[in-house]
C-alpha atoms as a PDB file:
ATOM      1  CA  MET A   1       9.871   3.930  12.491  1.00  0.00           C
ATOM      2  CA  ALA A   2       7.502   0.938  12.173  1.00  0.00           C
ATOM      3  CA  LYS A   3       7.786  -2.436   9.997  1.00  0.00           C
ATOM      4  CA  VAL A   4       5.984  -3.141   7.497  1.00  0.00           C
ATOM      5  CA  THR A   5       6.769  -6.954   5.481  1.00  0.00           C
ATOM      6  CA  PHE A   6       5.545  -7.544   1.713  1.00  0.00           C
ATOM      7  CA  GLN A   7       3.958 -11.303   1.187  1.00  0.00           C
ATOM      8  CA  PRO A   8       4.424 -13.036  -0.770  1.00  0.00           C
ATOM      9  CA  SER A   9       8.644 -12.515  -0.361  1.00  0.00           C
ATOM     10  CA  GLY A  10       8.757 -11.825   3.255  1.00  0.00           C
ATOM     11  CA  LEU A  11      11.392  -9.091   2.997  1.00  0.00           C
ATOM     12  CA  SER A  12      10.430  -6.260   5.490  1.00  0.00           C
ATOM     13  CA  LEU A  13      11.646  -2.925   5.865  1.00  0.00           C
ATOM     14  CA  GLU A  14      11.903  -0.221   8.976  1.00  0.00           C
ATOM     15  CA  ILE A  15      10.104   3.381   7.725  1.00  0.00           C
ATOM     16  CA  ASP A  16       9.403   6.040   9.235  1.00  0.00           C
ATOM     17  CA  GLY A  17       5.617   8.208   8.690  1.00  0.00           C
ATOM     18  CA  ASP A  18       6.825   9.712   6.021  1.00  0.00           C
ATOM     19  CA  VAL A  19       7.018   7.117   3.521  1.00  0.00           C
ATOM     20  CA  THR A  20       3.859   5.322   1.548  1.00  0.00           C
ATOM     21  CA  LEU A  21       3.666   1.537   1.682  1.00  0.00           C
ATOM     22  CA  ARG A  22       4.320   2.310  -2.294  1.00  0.00           C
ATOM     23  CA  ASP A  23       7.670   3.933  -2.185  1.00  0.00           C
ATOM     24  CA  ALA A  24       8.423   0.866   0.779  1.00  0.00           C
ATOM     25  CA  ALA A  25       7.908  -1.453  -2.038  1.00  0.00           C
ATOM     26  CA  HIS A  26      10.030   0.466  -4.273  1.00  0.00           C
ATOM     27  CA  THR A  27      12.825   0.322  -2.356  1.00  0.00           C
ATOM     28  CA  LEU A  28      11.994  -3.632  -2.141  1.00  0.00           C
ATOM     29  CA  GLY A  29      12.021  -3.966  -5.545  1.00  0.00           C
ATOM     30  CA  ILE A  30       8.825  -4.902  -5.343  1.00  0.00           C
ATOM     31  CA  ASP A  31       6.455  -4.161  -8.369  1.00  0.00           C
ATOM     32  CA  VAL A  32       2.969  -2.455  -7.189  1.00  0.00           C
ATOM     33  CA  GLN A  33       1.606  -1.489 -10.474  1.00  0.00           C
ATOM     34  CA  ASP A  34       1.576   2.133 -10.310  1.00  0.00           C
ATOM     35  CA  ARG A  35       1.394   4.124 -13.344  1.00  0.00           C
ATOM     36  CA  CYS A  36       0.963   7.228 -12.287  1.00  0.00           C
ATOM     37  CA  GLY A  37       3.923   8.290 -10.263  1.00  0.00           C
ATOM     38  CA  GLY A  38       2.046   7.850  -7.161  1.00  0.00           C
ATOM     39  CA  GLN A  39       0.147  10.201  -7.460  1.00  0.00           C
ATOM     40  CA  GLY A  40      -3.580   8.543  -6.351  1.00  0.00           C
ATOM     41  CA  ALA A  41      -5.083   8.652  -9.987  1.00  0.00           C
ATOM     42  CA  CYS A  42      -4.542   6.061 -11.568  1.00  0.00           C
ATOM     43  CA  CYS A  43      -5.419   3.501  -8.561  1.00  0.00           C
ATOM     44  CA  ASN A  44      -3.455   0.317 -10.434  1.00  0.00           C
ATOM     45  CA  CYS A  45      -1.270   0.095  -6.697  1.00  0.00           C
ATOM     46  CA  ILE A  46      -4.204  -2.282  -4.707  1.00  0.00           C
ATOM     47  CA  ILE A  47      -2.641  -3.685  -1.865  1.00  0.00           C
ATOM     48  CA  MET A  48      -3.862  -6.395   0.921  1.00  0.00           C
ATOM     49  CA  VAL A  49      -3.379  -5.365   4.892  1.00  0.00           C
ATOM     50  CA  LEU A  50      -3.045  -8.743   6.227  1.00  0.00           C
ATOM     51  CA  GLU A  51      -2.179  -7.970   9.521  1.00  0.00           C
ATOM     52  CA  GLY A  52      -1.684  -4.415  11.447  1.00  0.00           C
ATOM     53  CA  MET A  53      -4.690  -1.977   9.096  1.00  0.00           C
ATOM     54  CA  VAL A  54      -4.825   0.160  12.800  1.00  0.00           C
ATOM     55  CA  ASN A  55      -1.186   1.591  11.624  1.00  0.00           C
ATOM     56  CA  ILE A  56      -2.120   3.063   8.524  1.00  0.00           C
ATOM     57  CA  ASN A  57      -3.869   6.455   8.492  1.00  0.00           C
ATOM     58  CA  PRO A  58      -7.410   6.064   6.984  1.00  0.00           C
ATOM     59  CA  LYS A  59      -8.669   6.091   3.498  1.00  0.00           C
ATOM     60  CA  THR A  60      -7.531   9.535   1.848  1.00  0.00           C
ATOM     61  CA  HIS A  61     -10.210  11.440  -0.309  1.00  0.00           C
ATOM     62  CA  LEU A  62      -8.747   9.862  -3.278  1.00  0.00           C
ATOM     63  CA  GLU A  63      -9.105   6.299  -2.084  1.00  0.00           C
ATOM     64  CA  GLN A  64     -12.744   7.214  -0.909  1.00  0.00           C
ATOM     65  CA  PRO A  65     -14.202   6.930  -4.716  1.00  0.00           C
ATOM     66  CA  VAL A  66     -12.827   4.022  -5.797  1.00  0.00           C
ATOM     67  CA  PHE A  67     -15.583   1.233  -5.014  1.00  0.00           C
ATOM     68  CA  TYR A  68     -14.448  -1.738  -5.752  1.00  0.00           C
ATOM     69  CA  LEU A  69     -11.539  -1.616  -2.909  1.00  0.00           C
ATOM     70  CA  GLU A  70     -12.445  -4.742  -0.766  1.00  0.00           C
ATOM     71  CA  LYS A  71     -12.497  -3.993   3.111  1.00  0.00           C
ATOM     72  CA  ASN A  72      -8.608  -4.953   3.588  1.00  0.00           C
ATOM     73  CA  GLU A  73      -7.438  -3.063   0.527  1.00  0.00           C
ATOM     74  CA  ARG A  74      -6.058   0.020  -0.343  1.00  0.00           C
ATOM     75  CA  LEU A  75      -3.753   2.011  -2.610  1.00  0.00           C
ATOM     76  CA  SER A  76       0.071   1.933  -1.732  1.00  0.00           C
ATOM     77  CA  CYS A  77       0.904   5.539  -2.797  1.00  0.00           C
ATOM     78  CA  GLN A  78      -1.978   6.694   0.413  1.00  0.00           C
ATOM     79  CA  CYS A  79      -0.525   4.875   2.820  1.00  0.00           C
ATOM     80  CA  LYS A  80       1.279   6.073   5.743  1.00  0.00           C
ATOM     81  CA  ILE A  81       1.974   3.906   8.730  1.00  0.00           C
ATOM     82  CA  THR A  82       2.155   3.868  12.587  1.00  0.00           C
ATOM     83  CA  GLY A  83       3.033   0.977  13.324  1.00  0.00           C
ATOM     84  CA  ASP A  84       3.956  -2.195  12.153  1.00  0.00           C
ATOM     85  CA  VAL A  85       2.232  -4.199   8.895  1.00  0.00           C
ATOM     86  CA  VAL A  86       1.767  -7.233   6.984  1.00  0.00           C
ATOM     87  CA  VAL A  87       0.937  -6.343   3.291  1.00  0.00           C
ATOM     88  CA  GLU A  88       0.580  -8.217   0.071  1.00  0.00           C
ATOM     89  CA  PRO A  89       0.238  -6.652  -3.317  1.00  0.00           C
ATOM     90  CA  GLY A  90      -2.949  -6.668  -4.655  1.00  0.00           C
ATOM     91  CA  LEU A  91      -4.025  -8.782  -8.353  1.00  0.00           C
ATOM     92  CA  LYS A  92      -6.393  -6.762  -9.416  1.00  0.00           C
ATOM     93  CA  SER A  93      -5.897  -3.144 -11.131  1.00  0.00           C
ATOM     94  CA  LEU A  94      -7.895  -0.729 -12.709  1.00  0.00           C
ATOM     95  CA  GLY A  95      -5.710  -0.936 -15.193  1.00  0.00           C
ATOM     96  CA  GLY A  96      -5.105  -4.827 -16.313  1.00  0.00           C
END
């Protein structure tokens, strides 16, 4: 189990390696602007990783072509964690 903390709310949740950050956000009632149901197609569920990037799986083949992701940004539907992380839902998205 690993702890994910969402800022700025400070809400946190213990999750296992099979749960994505998108699903963790939904469990806590946090909107991550996903429009494709977590399939990695809409590229709207951007999160900023504030702490613990080393505890998130490497970028998937669905994230590699998303050129506008900054170094600390990921698609929450593609992120599974192996240790504690602190994240914040992103403000930008492809679909607005």
